[in-house]
Amino acid sequence: MTLAERAAQLSQADIIALLQRQAALEAHNLQLQRQNEWFKRQLFGRKSERRLLMPDAHQLPLAGILPAREEPTDKPPPPTETVKAYQRRTRFSALPDAEEAGLHFDGSVPVRVIAVPNPALAGLAPQAYEIIGEKVTWRLAQQPGAYVVLKYVRQVIKLKQTEQICCPPPPPAVFEKSVADVSLLAGLLIDKFAYHLPLYRQHQRLAHAGITERCINH
């Protein structure tokens, strides 16, 4: 018997019962689908969608089942080795009394020693006193940038035997017809690219030091 023949033999009460059973199955399937989506969020969802499940009170924890491990009393202590102490090199080579004053510098910085006269020694003979020590005070000073003009003097001579006039050539210049020495050009480049000092400020510094175009022309 086909499904159409069986459906034709069903009464109205049988049809209503089948529809009610189908509605119950659909509701059950919808509930199972919601549970499945919830389990997916717990396993694969973001941390904000997860929640911590409280442990079951009727289930014993693993720590209560396994016995605690006991260490044997006659076990020897683990072997040890001596590690060499690490020594760090001092970054600055300042003198001890300079370090106490908070001044740090390396060996490339020049140190000028200035002897401070003692007014109490005025009018005393060297045999009247004895130097028992000294105290040092440190100050960090700055020397203004200095420029120097190199004047090359070339003697013009005349050989008496041949009456030939000789004069040594001038030192070579970096640029033709330029009065700038290589040291000045190197300083300009360092101030420009290393310390970001514009050229017009370097020109002002030359003017403040007394180097002007009029002086150079003379």
N, C-alpha and C. Protein backbone atom coordinates (compact mmCIF):
# COMPACT_ATOMS: atom_id res chain seq x y z
N MET A 1 0.86 -1.19 0.00
CA MET A 1 0.00 0.00 0.00
C MET A 1 0.90 1.25 0.00
N THR A 2 0.55 2.14 -0.87
CA THR A 2 1.34 3.34 -0.99
C THR A 2 0.98 4.34 0.11
N LEU A 3 1.79 5.40 0.19
CA LEU A 3 1.53 6.43 1.21
C LEU A 3 0.24 7.19 0.90
N ALA A 4 -0.04 7.40 -0.37
CA ALA A 4 -1.27 8.11 -0.72
C ALA A 4 -2.50 7.29 -0.33
N GLU A 5 -2.43 5.94 -0.50
CA GLU A 5 -3.57 5.09 -0.12
C GLU A 5 -3.72 5.06 1.38
N ARG A 6 -2.60 5.01 2.12
CA ARG A 6 -2.69 5.03 3.57
C ARG A 6 -3.22 6.35 4.08
N ALA A 7 -2.82 7.47 3.46
CA ALA A 7 -3.33 8.78 3.88
C ALA A 7 -4.82 8.91 3.59
N ALA A 8 -5.30 8.27 2.51
CA ALA A 8 -6.73 8.35 2.20
C ALA A 8 -7.58 7.60 3.20
N GLN A 9 -7.02 6.58 3.89
CA GLN A 9 -7.76 5.78 4.86
C GLN A 9 -7.74 6.40 6.25
N LEU A 10 -6.90 7.45 6.47
CA LEU A 10 -6.81 8.06 7.81
C LEU A 10 -8.05 8.89 8.08
N SER A 11 -8.45 8.84 9.33
CA SER A 11 -9.58 9.65 9.75
C SER A 11 -9.09 11.02 10.18
N GLN A 12 -10.05 11.90 10.51
CA GLN A 12 -9.69 13.25 10.93
C GLN A 12 -8.94 13.24 12.26
N ALA A 13 -9.30 12.31 13.15
CA ALA A 13 -8.61 12.23 14.45
C ALA A 13 -7.17 11.77 14.26
N ASP A 14 -6.94 10.83 13.33
CA ASP A 14 -5.58 10.36 13.08
C ASP A 14 -4.71 11.49 12.51
N ILE A 15 -5.31 12.30 11.63
CA ILE A 15 -4.55 13.42 11.04
C ILE A 15 -4.16 14.43 12.10
N ILE A 16 -5.11 14.73 13.01
CA ILE A 16 -4.81 15.68 14.09
C ILE A 16 -3.71 15.15 15.00
N ALA A 17 -3.71 13.83 15.29
CA ALA A 17 -2.68 13.23 16.15
C ALA A 17 -1.31 13.30 15.48
N LEU A 18 -1.29 13.04 14.16
CA LEU A 18 -0.01 13.12 13.45
C LEU A 18 0.55 14.54 13.45
N LEU A 19 -0.34 15.53 13.27
CA LEU A 19 0.12 16.92 13.28
C LEU A 19 0.65 17.33 14.65
N GLN A 20 -0.02 16.86 15.71
CA GLN A 20 0.47 17.17 17.05
C GLN A 20 1.82 16.52 17.31
N ARG A 21 1.99 15.30 16.85
CA ARG A 21 3.28 14.61 17.03
C ARG A 21 4.38 15.31 16.25
N GLN A 22 4.05 15.80 15.02
CA GLN A 22 5.04 16.51 14.22
C GLN A 22 5.44 17.82 14.88
N ALA A 23 4.48 18.52 15.49
CA ALA A 23 4.80 19.77 16.18
C ALA A 23 5.70 19.52 17.39
N ALA A 24 5.43 18.40 18.11
CA ALA A 24 6.27 18.07 19.26
C ALA A 24 7.69 17.74 18.83
N LEU A 25 7.82 17.00 17.72
CA LEU A 25 9.16 16.67 17.21
C LEU A 25 9.93 17.93 16.77
N GLU A 26 9.22 18.86 16.13
CA GLU A 26 9.88 20.10 15.72
C GLU A 26 10.35 20.91 16.92
N ALA A 27 9.56 20.95 17.98
CA ALA A 27 9.97 21.67 19.19
C ALA A 27 11.17 21.00 19.84
N HIS A 28 11.17 19.67 19.85
CA HIS A 28 12.30 18.94 20.41
C HIS A 28 13.57 19.15 19.59
N ASN A 29 13.41 19.15 18.27
CA ASN A 29 14.57 19.39 17.42
C ASN A 29 15.13 20.81 17.61
N LEU A 30 14.23 21.78 17.79
CA LEU A 30 14.68 23.15 18.03
C LEU A 30 15.46 23.26 19.34
N GLN A 31 15.00 22.54 20.36
CA GLN A 31 15.73 22.55 21.63
C GLN A 31 17.10 21.89 21.51
N LEU A 32 17.17 20.78 20.80
CA LEU A 32 18.46 20.13 20.58
C LEU A 32 19.41 21.02 19.77
N GLN A 33 18.88 21.75 18.81
CA GLN A 33 19.71 22.65 18.02
C GLN A 33 20.27 23.78 18.88
N ARG A 34 19.46 24.31 19.80
CA ARG A 34 19.95 25.35 20.70
C ARG A 34 21.04 24.82 21.63
N GLN A 35 20.87 23.61 22.14
CA GLN A 35 21.90 23.02 22.99
C GLN A 35 23.21 22.79 22.21
N ASN A 36 23.05 22.35 20.97
CA ASN A 36 24.25 22.14 20.15
C ASN A 36 25.00 23.45 19.91
N GLU A 37 24.28 24.54 19.63
CA GLU A 37 24.92 25.84 19.45
C GLU A 37 25.60 26.30 20.73
N TRP A 38 25.02 26.03 21.89
CA TRP A 38 25.63 26.44 23.17
C TRP A 38 26.93 25.69 23.41
N PHE A 39 26.93 24.37 23.13
CA PHE A 39 28.17 23.60 23.30
C PHE A 39 29.26 24.06 22.32
N LYS A 40 28.86 24.43 21.13
CA LYS A 40 29.85 24.96 20.19
C LYS A 40 30.47 26.25 20.70
N ARG A 41 29.67 27.12 21.30
CA ARG A 41 30.23 28.36 21.83
C ARG A 41 31.16 28.11 23.00
N GLN A 42 30.87 27.08 23.81
CA GLN A 42 31.74 26.77 24.93
C GLN A 42 33.09 26.22 24.49
N LEU A 43 33.09 25.48 23.39
CA LEU A 43 34.33 24.85 22.92
C LEU A 43 35.11 25.74 21.95
N PHE A 44 34.42 26.36 21.02
CA PHE A 44 35.10 27.08 19.95
C PHE A 44 34.79 28.58 19.94
N GLY A 45 33.99 29.06 20.85
CA GLY A 45 33.63 30.47 20.85
C GLY A 45 34.72 31.34 21.44
N ARG A 46 34.49 32.65 21.44
CA ARG A 46 35.42 33.59 22.03
C ARG A 46 35.39 33.50 23.55
N LYS A 47 36.41 34.09 24.18
CA LYS A 47 36.50 34.01 25.64
C LYS A 47 35.32 34.71 26.30
N SER A 48 34.81 35.78 25.68
CA SER A 48 33.69 36.49 26.29
C SER A 48 32.41 35.67 26.26
N GLU A 49 32.32 34.64 25.37
CA GLU A 49 31.12 33.81 25.28
C GLU A 49 31.21 32.58 26.16
N ARG A 50 32.38 32.31 26.72
CA ARG A 50 32.53 31.11 27.53
C ARG A 50 32.22 31.42 28.99
N ARG A 51 31.92 30.41 29.72
CA ARG A 51 31.72 30.54 31.15
C ARG A 51 32.35 29.34 31.83
N LEU A 52 32.84 29.54 33.05
CA LEU A 52 33.49 28.47 33.79
C LEU A 52 32.43 27.57 34.42
N LEU A 53 32.58 26.30 34.16
CA LEU A 53 31.66 25.33 34.73
C LEU A 53 32.11 24.96 36.13
N MET A 54 31.18 25.00 37.07
CA MET A 54 31.49 24.64 38.44
C MET A 54 31.69 23.13 38.53
N PRO A 55 32.67 22.67 39.32
CA PRO A 55 32.89 21.22 39.44
C PRO A 55 31.71 20.54 40.11
N ASP A 56 31.51 19.31 39.69
CA ASP A 56 30.42 18.52 40.24
C ASP A 56 30.75 18.13 41.67
N ALA A 57 29.80 18.37 42.58
CA ALA A 57 30.05 18.06 44.00
C ALA A 57 30.09 16.57 44.25
N HIS A 58 29.47 15.77 43.40
CA HIS A 58 29.45 14.32 43.58
C HIS A 58 30.64 13.63 42.96
N GLN A 59 31.52 14.38 42.29
CA GLN A 59 32.68 13.79 41.63
C GLN A 59 33.94 14.19 42.38
N LEU A 60 34.77 13.22 42.74
CA LEU A 60 35.99 13.48 43.49
C LEU A 60 37.04 14.08 42.59
N PRO A 61 37.80 15.06 43.09
CA PRO A 61 38.88 15.63 42.27
C PRO A 61 40.02 14.63 42.11
N LEU A 62 40.83 14.86 41.12
CA LEU A 62 41.95 13.96 40.84
C LEU A 62 42.99 14.00 41.95
N ALA A 63 43.11 15.17 42.62
CA ALA A 63 44.10 15.26 43.69
C ALA A 63 43.74 14.38 44.88
N GLY A 64 42.47 14.11 45.07
CA GLY A 64 42.07 13.26 46.18
C GLY A 64 42.17 11.78 45.89
N ILE A 65 42.28 11.42 44.62
CA ILE A 65 42.35 10.00 44.26
C ILE A 65 43.79 9.52 44.27
N LEU A 66 44.70 10.30 43.64
CA LEU A 66 46.09 9.88 43.55
C LEU A 66 46.80 10.15 44.86
N PRO A 67 47.59 9.23 45.35
CA PRO A 67 48.33 9.47 46.60
C PRO A 67 49.48 10.45 46.38
N ALA A 68 49.82 11.17 47.42
CA ALA A 68 50.92 12.14 47.35
C ALA A 68 52.25 11.40 47.24
N ARG A 69 53.13 11.96 46.42
CA ARG A 69 54.43 11.35 46.20
C ARG A 69 55.37 11.73 47.35
N GLU A 70 55.95 10.74 47.94
CA GLU A 70 56.86 10.95 49.06
C GLU A 70 58.29 10.79 48.60
N GLU A 71 59.12 11.79 48.95
CA GLU A 71 60.52 11.73 48.61
C GLU A 71 61.27 10.87 49.63
N PRO A 72 62.18 10.05 49.17
CA PRO A 72 62.94 9.23 50.13
C PRO A 72 63.83 10.10 51.01
N THR A 73 63.93 9.70 52.27
CA THR A 73 64.71 10.51 53.23
C THR A 73 66.22 10.39 52.98
N ASP A 74 66.67 9.26 52.45
CA ASP A 74 68.10 9.07 52.23
C ASP A 74 68.56 9.51 50.83
N LYS A 75 67.75 10.29 50.14
CA LYS A 75 68.13 10.74 48.81
C LYS A 75 69.21 11.81 48.91
N PRO A 76 70.31 11.68 48.18
CA PRO A 76 71.39 12.69 48.28
C PRO A 76 70.94 14.01 47.65
N PRO A 77 71.50 15.13 48.12
CA PRO A 77 71.13 16.43 47.54
C PRO A 77 71.61 16.53 46.10
N PRO A 78 70.96 17.35 45.30
CA PRO A 78 71.37 17.50 43.89
C PRO A 78 72.76 18.11 43.81
N PRO A 79 73.52 17.76 42.79
CA PRO A 79 74.88 18.31 42.64
C PRO A 79 74.84 19.81 42.35
N THR A 80 75.85 20.51 42.80
CA THR A 80 75.97 21.95 42.60
C THR A 80 77.31 22.25 41.93
N GLU A 81 77.39 23.41 41.33
CA GLU A 81 78.62 23.86 40.71
C GLU A 81 78.82 25.34 41.01
N THR A 82 80.06 25.76 41.05
CA THR A 82 80.41 27.14 41.35
C THR A 82 80.43 27.94 40.06
N VAL A 83 79.68 29.04 40.03
CA VAL A 83 79.58 29.90 38.86
C VAL A 83 80.50 31.10 39.08
N LYS A 84 81.28 31.45 38.05
CA LYS A 84 82.19 32.58 38.15
C LYS A 84 81.39 33.87 38.22
N ALA A 85 81.81 34.72 39.13
CA ALA A 85 81.13 35.99 39.32
C ALA A 85 81.30 36.87 38.09
N TYR A 86 80.24 37.58 37.74
CA TYR A 86 80.28 38.44 36.56
C TYR A 86 80.82 39.80 36.96
N GLN A 87 81.76 40.31 36.19
CA GLN A 87 82.35 41.61 36.44
C GLN A 87 82.08 42.50 35.23
N ARG A 88 81.54 43.67 35.49
CA ARG A 88 81.21 44.61 34.43
C ARG A 88 82.26 45.71 34.39
N ARG A 89 82.66 46.07 33.18
CA ARG A 89 83.62 47.15 33.02
C ARG A 89 82.97 48.49 33.29
N THR A 90 83.72 49.37 33.88
CA THR A 90 83.22 50.70 34.15
C THR A 90 83.08 51.45 32.83
N ARG A 91 82.01 52.17 32.69
CA ARG A 91 81.73 52.87 31.45
C ARG A 91 82.58 54.13 31.33
N PHE A 92 82.83 54.81 32.42
CA PHE A 92 83.60 56.04 32.39
C PHE A 92 84.90 55.84 33.15
N SER A 93 85.91 56.57 32.71
CA SER A 93 87.22 56.49 33.35
C SER A 93 87.49 57.74 34.18
N ALA A 94 86.47 58.23 34.84
CA ALA A 94 86.65 59.42 35.66
C ALA A 94 87.40 59.06 36.94
N LEU A 95 88.00 60.07 37.54
CA LEU A 95 88.71 59.86 38.79
C LEU A 95 87.72 59.61 39.92
N PRO A 96 88.15 58.92 40.99
CA PRO A 96 87.21 58.60 42.07
C PRO A 96 86.57 59.83 42.69
N ASP A 97 87.37 60.89 42.93
CA ASP A 97 86.77 62.07 43.53
C ASP A 97 85.83 62.79 42.57
N ALA A 98 86.08 62.66 41.26
CA ALA A 98 85.14 63.24 40.29
C ALA A 98 83.83 62.48 40.26
N GLU A 99 83.89 61.17 40.43
CA GLU A 99 82.66 60.37 40.46
C GLU A 99 81.84 60.72 41.69
N GLU A 100 82.49 60.98 42.81
CA GLU A 100 81.75 61.37 43.99
C GLU A 100 81.05 62.70 43.79
N ALA A 101 81.63 63.58 43.00
CA ALA A 101 81.00 64.87 42.72
C ALA A 101 79.92 64.77 41.64
N GLY A 102 79.70 63.59 41.07
CA GLY A 102 78.68 63.41 40.04
C GLY A 102 79.14 63.77 38.65
N LEU A 103 80.45 63.85 38.42
CA LEU A 103 81.00 64.21 37.11
C LEU A 103 81.64 62.98 36.49
N HIS A 104 81.19 62.63 35.29
CA HIS A 104 81.71 61.45 34.59
C HIS A 104 82.23 61.90 33.23
N PHE A 105 83.40 61.47 32.86
CA PHE A 105 83.99 61.81 31.57
C PHE A 105 85.00 60.74 31.21
N ASP A 106 85.29 60.65 29.92
CA ASP A 106 86.25 59.66 29.45
C ASP A 106 87.62 60.31 29.27
N GLY A 107 88.57 59.51 28.80
CA GLY A 107 89.94 59.99 28.70
C GLY A 107 90.18 61.01 27.62
N SER A 108 89.23 61.18 26.68
CA SER A 108 89.43 62.15 25.62
C SER A 108 89.16 63.59 26.05
N VAL A 109 88.57 63.78 27.23
CA VAL A 109 88.26 65.12 27.70
C VAL A 109 89.49 65.69 28.40
N PRO A 110 89.99 66.84 27.97
CA PRO A 110 91.16 67.41 28.65
C PRO A 110 90.80 67.95 30.02
N VAL A 111 91.75 67.84 30.94
CA VAL A 111 91.59 68.32 32.31
C VAL A 111 92.64 69.40 32.56
N ARG A 112 92.21 70.58 32.92
CA ARG A 112 93.11 71.68 33.24
C ARG A 112 93.16 71.83 34.76
N VAL A 113 94.34 71.72 35.32
CA VAL A 113 94.54 71.83 36.76
C VAL A 113 94.81 73.29 37.10
N ILE A 114 94.03 73.84 38.01
CA ILE A 114 94.15 75.23 38.45
C ILE A 114 94.46 75.22 39.94
N ALA A 115 95.59 75.76 40.30
CA ALA A 115 95.98 75.84 41.71
C ALA A 115 95.37 77.10 42.33
N VAL A 116 94.61 76.92 43.39
CA VAL A 116 93.97 78.04 44.07
C VAL A 116 94.91 78.54 45.16
N PRO A 117 95.33 79.78 45.14
CA PRO A 117 96.23 80.28 46.18
C PRO A 117 95.53 80.39 47.52
N ASN A 118 96.29 80.14 48.58
CA ASN A 118 95.76 80.21 49.93
C ASN A 118 96.12 81.56 50.53
N PRO A 119 95.14 82.37 50.88
CA PRO A 119 95.47 83.69 51.45
C PRO A 119 96.23 83.61 52.76
N ALA A 120 96.14 82.48 53.48
CA ALA A 120 96.84 82.38 54.77
C ALA A 120 98.34 82.28 54.59
N LEU A 121 98.81 81.98 53.37
CA LEU A 121 100.25 81.85 53.14
C LEU A 121 100.91 83.17 52.74
N ALA A 122 100.14 84.22 52.71
CA ALA A 122 100.72 85.51 52.30
C ALA A 122 101.77 85.96 53.31
N GLY A 123 102.98 86.19 52.86
CA GLY A 123 104.07 86.68 53.71
C GLY A 123 104.76 85.62 54.52
N LEU A 124 104.43 84.33 54.32
CA LEU A 124 105.07 83.26 55.08
C LEU A 124 106.17 82.63 54.24
N ALA A 125 107.24 82.24 54.91
CA ALA A 125 108.33 81.53 54.26
C ALA A 125 107.96 80.07 54.06
N PRO A 126 108.56 79.39 53.08
CA PRO A 126 108.23 77.97 52.88
C PRO A 126 108.53 77.11 54.10
N GLN A 127 109.44 77.52 54.97
CA GLN A 127 109.74 76.73 56.16
C GLN A 127 108.71 76.94 57.26
N ALA A 128 107.80 77.89 57.08
CA ALA A 128 106.85 78.20 58.14
C ALA A 128 105.59 77.37 58.09
N TYR A 129 105.40 76.60 57.05
CA TYR A 129 104.18 75.79 56.95
C TYR A 129 104.53 74.46 56.31
N GLU A 130 103.57 73.52 56.40
CA GLU A 130 103.72 72.16 55.86
C GLU A 130 102.42 71.76 55.18
N ILE A 131 102.52 71.27 53.97
CA ILE A 131 101.34 70.81 53.23
C ILE A 131 101.02 69.38 53.67
N ILE A 132 99.86 69.19 54.25
CA ILE A 132 99.47 67.88 54.78
C ILE A 132 98.40 67.20 53.90
N GLY A 133 97.92 67.86 52.89
CA GLY A 133 96.91 67.26 52.02
C GLY A 133 96.34 68.30 51.07
N GLU A 134 95.35 67.89 50.34
CA GLU A 134 94.70 68.79 49.40
C GLU A 134 93.27 68.34 49.18
N LYS A 135 92.43 69.30 48.83
CA LYS A 135 91.03 69.05 48.51
C LYS A 135 90.79 69.49 47.07
N VAL A 136 89.98 68.71 46.37
CA VAL A 136 89.75 68.93 44.95
C VAL A 136 88.29 69.27 44.73
N THR A 137 88.03 70.28 43.94
CA THR A 137 86.69 70.68 43.54
C THR A 137 86.61 70.63 42.02
N TRP A 138 85.56 70.03 41.51
CA TRP A 138 85.42 69.82 40.06
C TRP A 138 84.35 70.75 39.51
N ARG A 139 84.63 71.31 38.35
CA ARG A 139 83.67 72.13 37.61
C ARG A 139 83.76 71.75 36.13
N LEU A 140 82.62 71.71 35.48
CA LEU A 140 82.59 71.43 34.05
C LEU A 140 82.49 72.75 33.31
N ALA A 141 83.49 73.10 32.53
CA ALA A 141 83.56 74.36 31.81
C ALA A 141 83.48 74.12 30.31
N GLN A 142 83.30 75.19 29.59
CA GLN A 142 83.19 75.12 28.13
C GLN A 142 84.08 76.18 27.51
N GLN A 143 84.81 75.82 26.49
CA GLN A 143 85.63 76.75 25.73
C GLN A 143 84.91 77.10 24.44
N PRO A 144 84.83 78.38 24.10
CA PRO A 144 84.15 78.75 22.85
C PRO A 144 84.92 78.22 21.65
N GLY A 145 84.17 77.93 20.59
CA GLY A 145 84.80 77.43 19.37
C GLY A 145 85.76 78.46 18.80
N ALA A 146 86.94 78.05 18.48
CA ALA A 146 87.97 78.96 18.01
C ALA A 146 88.28 78.69 16.55
N TYR A 147 88.53 79.77 15.83
CA TYR A 147 88.95 79.68 14.43
C TYR A 147 90.36 80.26 14.32
N VAL A 148 91.13 79.76 13.41
CA VAL A 148 92.49 80.23 13.19
C VAL A 148 92.70 80.43 11.69
N VAL A 149 93.41 81.47 11.35
CA VAL A 149 93.73 81.76 9.96
C VAL A 149 95.14 81.27 9.68
N LEU A 150 95.25 80.39 8.73
CA LEU A 150 96.55 79.84 8.35
C LEU A 150 97.19 80.74 7.29
N LYS A 151 98.32 81.28 7.64
CA LYS A 151 99.04 82.17 6.72
C LYS A 151 100.29 81.45 6.23
N TYR A 152 100.26 81.03 5.00
CA TYR A 152 101.39 80.33 4.40
C TYR A 152 102.33 81.36 3.76
N VAL A 153 103.55 81.42 4.23
CA VAL A 153 104.55 82.35 3.70
C VAL A 153 105.51 81.55 2.81
N ARG A 154 105.56 81.94 1.55
CA ARG A 154 106.41 81.24 0.58
C ARG A 154 107.49 82.21 0.10
N GLN A 155 108.69 81.89 0.38
CA GLN A 155 109.80 82.75 -0.01
C GLN A 155 110.09 82.62 -1.51
N VAL A 156 110.26 83.78 -2.10
CA VAL A 156 110.64 83.83 -3.51
C VAL A 156 112.15 84.09 -3.57
N ILE A 157 112.85 83.17 -4.15
CA ILE A 157 114.32 83.26 -4.19
C ILE A 157 114.79 83.36 -5.64
N LYS A 158 115.99 83.90 -5.74
CA LYS A 158 116.63 84.02 -7.06
C LYS A 158 117.99 83.36 -7.01
N LEU A 159 118.15 82.40 -7.86
CA LEU A 159 119.43 81.70 -7.94
C LEU A 159 120.45 82.59 -8.62
N LYS A 160 121.56 82.86 -7.93
CA LYS A 160 122.56 83.78 -8.47
C LYS A 160 123.30 83.20 -9.67
N GLN A 161 123.44 81.87 -9.67
CA GLN A 161 124.22 81.29 -10.76
C GLN A 161 123.43 81.30 -12.04
N THR A 162 122.17 80.95 -11.96
CA THR A 162 121.33 80.87 -13.16
C THR A 162 120.34 82.03 -13.27
N GLU A 163 120.29 82.85 -12.22
CA GLU A 163 119.34 83.96 -12.17
C GLU A 163 117.89 83.48 -12.37
N GLN A 164 117.62 82.31 -11.86
CA GLN A 164 116.28 81.75 -11.97
C GLN A 164 115.50 82.07 -10.69
N ILE A 165 114.26 82.49 -10.83
CA ILE A 165 113.39 82.83 -9.69
C ILE A 165 112.56 81.59 -9.35
N CYS A 166 112.61 81.20 -8.09
CA CYS A 166 111.90 79.99 -7.62
C CYS A 166 110.98 80.36 -6.45
N CYS A 167 109.83 79.75 -6.44
CA CYS A 167 108.87 79.92 -5.35
C CYS A 167 108.07 78.63 -5.20
N PRO A 168 107.96 78.09 -4.00
CA PRO A 168 107.19 76.84 -3.83
C PRO A 168 105.71 77.07 -4.10
N PRO A 169 105.03 76.09 -4.61
CA PRO A 169 103.59 76.26 -4.89
C PRO A 169 102.78 76.33 -3.60
N PRO A 170 101.64 76.94 -3.64
CA PRO A 170 100.79 76.98 -2.43
C PRO A 170 100.23 75.60 -2.13
N PRO A 171 99.84 75.37 -0.89
CA PRO A 171 99.24 74.06 -0.57
C PRO A 171 97.94 73.86 -1.34
N PRO A 172 97.67 72.66 -1.74
CA PRO A 172 96.45 72.42 -2.54
C PRO A 172 95.19 72.71 -1.74
N ALA A 173 94.21 73.26 -2.42
CA ALA A 173 92.91 73.57 -1.81
C ALA A 173 91.89 72.52 -2.20
N VAL A 174 90.89 72.38 -1.37
CA VAL A 174 89.81 71.42 -1.67
C VAL A 174 89.03 71.88 -2.89
N PHE A 175 88.70 73.18 -2.91
CA PHE A 175 88.00 73.77 -4.04
C PHE A 175 88.88 74.88 -4.63
N GLU A 176 88.81 75.00 -5.92
CA GLU A 176 89.63 76.00 -6.60
C GLU A 176 89.18 77.41 -6.19
N LYS A 177 90.15 78.27 -5.91
CA LYS A 177 89.92 79.65 -5.50
C LYS A 177 89.09 79.74 -4.21
N SER A 178 89.23 78.77 -3.34
CA SER A 178 88.53 78.78 -2.07
C SER A 178 89.53 78.97 -0.95
N VAL A 179 89.17 79.80 0.04
CA VAL A 179 90.05 80.05 1.19
C VAL A 179 89.74 79.11 2.34
N ALA A 180 88.79 78.19 2.18
CA ALA A 180 88.40 77.28 3.25
C ALA A 180 89.37 76.12 3.33
N ASP A 181 89.88 75.88 4.53
CA ASP A 181 90.75 74.73 4.75
C ASP A 181 89.90 73.47 4.88
N VAL A 182 90.53 72.33 4.73
CA VAL A 182 89.79 71.07 4.81
C VAL A 182 89.21 70.87 6.20
N SER A 183 89.87 71.39 7.24
CA SER A 183 89.32 71.26 8.60
C SER A 183 88.05 72.07 8.77
N LEU A 184 87.99 73.27 8.14
CA LEU A 184 86.78 74.08 8.22
C LEU A 184 85.63 73.41 7.49
N LEU A 185 85.90 72.85 6.32
CA LEU A 185 84.84 72.17 5.58
C LEU A 185 84.33 70.94 6.32
N ALA A 186 85.23 70.21 6.94
CA ALA A 186 84.81 69.04 7.71
C ALA A 186 83.94 69.46 8.89
N GLY A 187 84.32 70.57 9.56
CA GLY A 187 83.50 71.04 10.67
C GLY A 187 82.13 71.50 10.23
N LEU A 188 82.04 72.16 9.05
CA LEU A 188 80.74 72.57 8.52
C LEU A 188 79.84 71.38 8.24
N LEU A 189 80.40 70.33 7.68
CA LEU A 189 79.61 69.13 7.38
C LEU A 189 79.14 68.43 8.66
N ILE A 190 80.02 68.36 9.64
CA ILE A 190 79.64 67.71 10.90
C ILE A 190 78.53 68.48 11.60
N ASP A 191 78.67 69.83 11.65
CA ASP A 191 77.62 70.63 12.28
C ASP A 191 76.31 70.57 11.51
N LYS A 192 76.40 70.43 10.19
CA LYS A 192 75.19 70.41 9.37
C LYS A 192 74.44 69.09 9.48
N PHE A 193 75.14 67.97 9.32
CA PHE A 193 74.47 66.69 9.22
C PHE A 193 74.47 65.90 10.53
N ALA A 194 75.42 66.13 11.40
CA ALA A 194 75.45 65.40 12.67
C ALA A 194 74.69 66.14 13.77
N TYR A 195 74.82 67.47 13.80
CA TYR A 195 74.17 68.26 14.85
C TYR A 195 73.04 69.13 14.30
N HIS A 196 72.70 68.99 13.01
CA HIS A 196 71.54 69.66 12.40
C HIS A 196 71.61 71.17 12.61
N LEU A 197 72.77 71.76 12.42
CA LEU A 197 72.96 73.20 12.53
C LEU A 197 72.91 73.80 11.14
N PRO A 198 71.94 74.65 10.85
CA PRO A 198 71.83 75.20 9.48
C PRO A 198 73.06 76.02 9.11
N LEU A 199 73.24 76.17 7.81
CA LEU A 199 74.42 76.89 7.33
C LEU A 199 74.37 78.37 7.70
N TYR A 200 73.18 78.97 7.71
CA TYR A 200 73.11 80.39 8.03
C TYR A 200 73.47 80.64 9.49
N ARG A 201 73.20 79.68 10.38
CA ARG A 201 73.62 79.83 11.77
C ARG A 201 75.13 79.66 11.91
N GLN A 202 75.70 78.77 11.11
CA GLN A 202 77.15 78.66 11.13
C GLN A 202 77.80 79.94 10.59
N HIS A 203 77.15 80.56 9.61
CA HIS A 203 77.67 81.84 9.11
C HIS A 203 77.59 82.91 10.20
N GLN A 204 76.52 82.91 10.99
CA GLN A 204 76.41 83.86 12.09
C GLN A 204 77.48 83.60 13.15
N ARG A 205 77.78 82.35 13.40
CA ARG A 205 78.81 82.04 14.38
C ARG A 205 80.18 82.50 13.90
N LEU A 206 80.45 82.38 12.60
CA LEU A 206 81.70 82.89 12.06
C LEU A 206 81.78 84.42 12.20
N ALA A 207 80.65 85.08 11.96
CA ALA A 207 80.64 86.54 12.10
C ALA A 207 80.86 86.97 13.54
N HIS A 208 80.27 86.24 14.51
CA HIS A 208 80.47 86.57 15.92
C HIS A 208 81.92 86.32 16.35
N ALA A 209 82.60 85.38 15.69
CA ALA A 209 84.01 85.11 16.01
C ALA A 209 84.95 86.09 15.33
N GLY A 210 84.41 87.02 14.52
CA GLY A 210 85.25 88.00 13.86
C GLY A 210 85.65 87.66 12.45
N ILE A 211 85.12 86.57 11.91
CA ILE A 211 85.44 86.17 10.54
C ILE A 211 84.32 86.68 9.64
N THR A 212 84.59 87.65 8.84
CA THR A 212 83.61 88.21 7.91
C THR A 212 84.15 88.13 6.49
N GLU A 213 83.29 88.41 5.54
CA GLU A 213 83.72 88.38 4.14
C GLU A 213 84.75 89.47 3.87
N ARG A 214 84.61 90.60 4.54
CA ARG A 214 85.58 91.68 4.32
C ARG A 214 86.96 91.28 4.83
N CYS A 215 87.00 90.58 5.98
CA CYS A 215 88.28 90.13 6.50
C CYS A 215 88.90 89.09 5.58
N ILE A 216 88.09 88.23 5.04
CA ILE A 216 88.61 87.17 4.16
C ILE A 216 89.18 87.79 2.88
N ASN A 217 88.50 88.81 2.36
CA ASN A 217 88.98 89.44 1.13
C ASN A 217 90.30 90.15 1.36
N HIS A 218 90.47 90.71 2.58
CA HIS A 218 91.74 91.35 2.86
C HIS A 218 92.83 90.32 3.15
